[in-house]
Amino acid sequence: MEKEFREYRTGQGVPVSGSYICQSGEKSSLNKNDTFPQCPISGQDTYWKHQNET
């Protein structure tokens, strides 16, 4: 099965608990049903991607 590489925007709900990385490269551990925060570095809205562990 192919993995989905989706981006999530600040303010959207977190679909799955895990480690996420923002556009600035900052990692954050988020829980399901949390809301994606602003970038921890810039304080601006950003996109987040799930950090896949291999």
C-alpha atoms as a PDB file:
ATOM      1  CA  MET A   1       0.000   0.000   0.000  1.00  0.00           C
ATOM      2  CA  GLU A   2       1.302   3.463  -0.889  1.00  0.00           C
ATOM      3  CA  LYS A   3       1.892   5.946   1.940  1.00  0.00           C
ATOM      4  CA  GLU A   4       0.166   9.319   1.815  1.00  0.00           C
ATOM      5  CA  PHE A   5       2.389  12.400   2.131  1.00  0.00           C
ATOM      6  CA  ARG A   6      -0.059  15.118   2.978  1.00  0.00           C
ATOM      7  CA  GLU A   7       0.553  18.612   4.288  1.00  0.00           C
ATOM      8  CA  TYR A   8      -1.555  20.085   7.063  1.00  0.00           C
ATOM      9  CA  ARG A   9      -1.991  23.795   7.689  1.00  0.00           C
ATOM     10  CA  THR A  10      -1.936  25.689  10.981  1.00  0.00           C
ATOM     11  CA  GLY A  11      -5.401  25.486  12.539  1.00  0.00           C
ATOM     12  CA  GLN A  12      -6.355  22.112  11.061  1.00  0.00           C
ATOM     13  CA  GLY A  13      -7.008  19.131  13.328  1.00  0.00           C
ATOM     14  CA  VAL A  14      -4.262  16.541  13.808  1.00  0.00           C
ATOM     15  CA  PRO A  15      -5.511  13.269  12.227  1.00  0.00           C
ATOM     16  CA  VAL A  16      -3.006  10.871  13.853  1.00  0.00           C
ATOM     17  CA  SER A  17      -0.795  11.227  16.926  1.00  0.00           C
ATOM     18  CA  GLY A  18       2.897  11.409  16.160  1.00  0.00           C
ATOM     19  CA  SER A  19       5.873  13.547  15.264  1.00  0.00           C
ATOM     20  CA  TYR A  20       5.324  16.318  12.723  1.00  0.00           C
ATOM     21  CA  ILE A  21       7.760  18.689  11.056  1.00  0.00           C
ATOM     22  CA  CYS A  22       6.971  22.249   9.936  1.00  0.00           C
ATOM     23  CA  GLN A  23       8.257  24.140   6.896  1.00  0.00           C
ATOM     24  CA  SER A  24      11.115  25.562   8.992  1.00  0.00           C
ATOM     25  CA  GLY A  25      12.248  22.046   9.904  1.00  0.00           C
ATOM     26  CA  GLU A  26      11.123  22.212  13.536  1.00  0.00           C
ATOM     27  CA  LYS A  27       9.753  18.929  14.915  1.00  0.00           C
ATOM     28  CA  SER A  28       6.814  18.733  17.269  1.00  0.00           C
ATOM     29  CA  SER A  29       4.997  15.839  18.919  1.00  0.00           C
ATOM     30  CA  LEU A  30       1.243  16.257  18.440  1.00  0.00           C
ATOM     31  CA  ASN A  31      -1.734  14.200  19.584  1.00  0.00           C
ATOM     32  CA  LYS A  32      -4.774  13.196  17.581  1.00  0.00           C
ATOM     33  CA  ASN A  33      -7.473  15.902  17.717  1.00  0.00           C
ATOM     34  CA  ASP A  34      -4.940  18.610  18.663  1.00  0.00           C
ATOM     35  CA  THR A  35      -4.811  21.641  16.375  1.00  0.00           C
ATOM     36  CA  PHE A  36      -1.712  22.237  14.254  1.00  0.00           C
ATOM     37  CA  PRO A  37       0.100  25.226  15.798  1.00  0.00           C
ATOM     38  CA  GLN A  38       1.917  28.126  14.208  1.00  0.00           C
ATOM     39  CA  CYS A  39       5.593  27.673  13.369  1.00  0.00           C
ATOM     40  CA  PRO A  40       7.595  27.483  16.625  1.00  0.00           C
ATOM     41  CA  ILE A  41      10.412  29.467  14.968  1.00  0.00           C
ATOM     42  CA  SER A  42       8.622  32.234  13.041  1.00  0.00           C
ATOM     43  CA  GLY A  43       5.312  32.379  14.939  1.00  0.00           C
ATOM     44  CA  GLN A  44       3.522  32.433  11.558  1.00  0.00           C
ATOM     45  CA  ASP A  45       1.046  30.044   9.962  1.00  0.00           C
ATOM     46  CA  THR A  46       2.824  27.108   8.355  1.00  0.00           C
ATOM     47  CA  TYR A  47       2.425  23.671   6.815  1.00  0.00           C
ATOM     48  CA  TRP A  48       3.143  20.473   8.733  1.00  0.00           C
ATOM     49  CA  LYS A  49       4.038  16.981   7.496  1.00  0.00           C
ATOM     50  CA  HIS A  50       3.900  13.734   9.443  1.00  0.00           C
ATOM     51  CA  GLN A  51       7.410  12.544  10.284  1.00  0.00           C
ATOM     52  CA  ASN A  52       7.468   8.932   9.106  1.00  0.00           C
ATOM     53  CA  GLU A  53       9.643   6.662  11.186  1.00  0.00           C
ATOM     54  CA  THR A  54      11.582   3.980   9.358  1.00  0.00           C
END
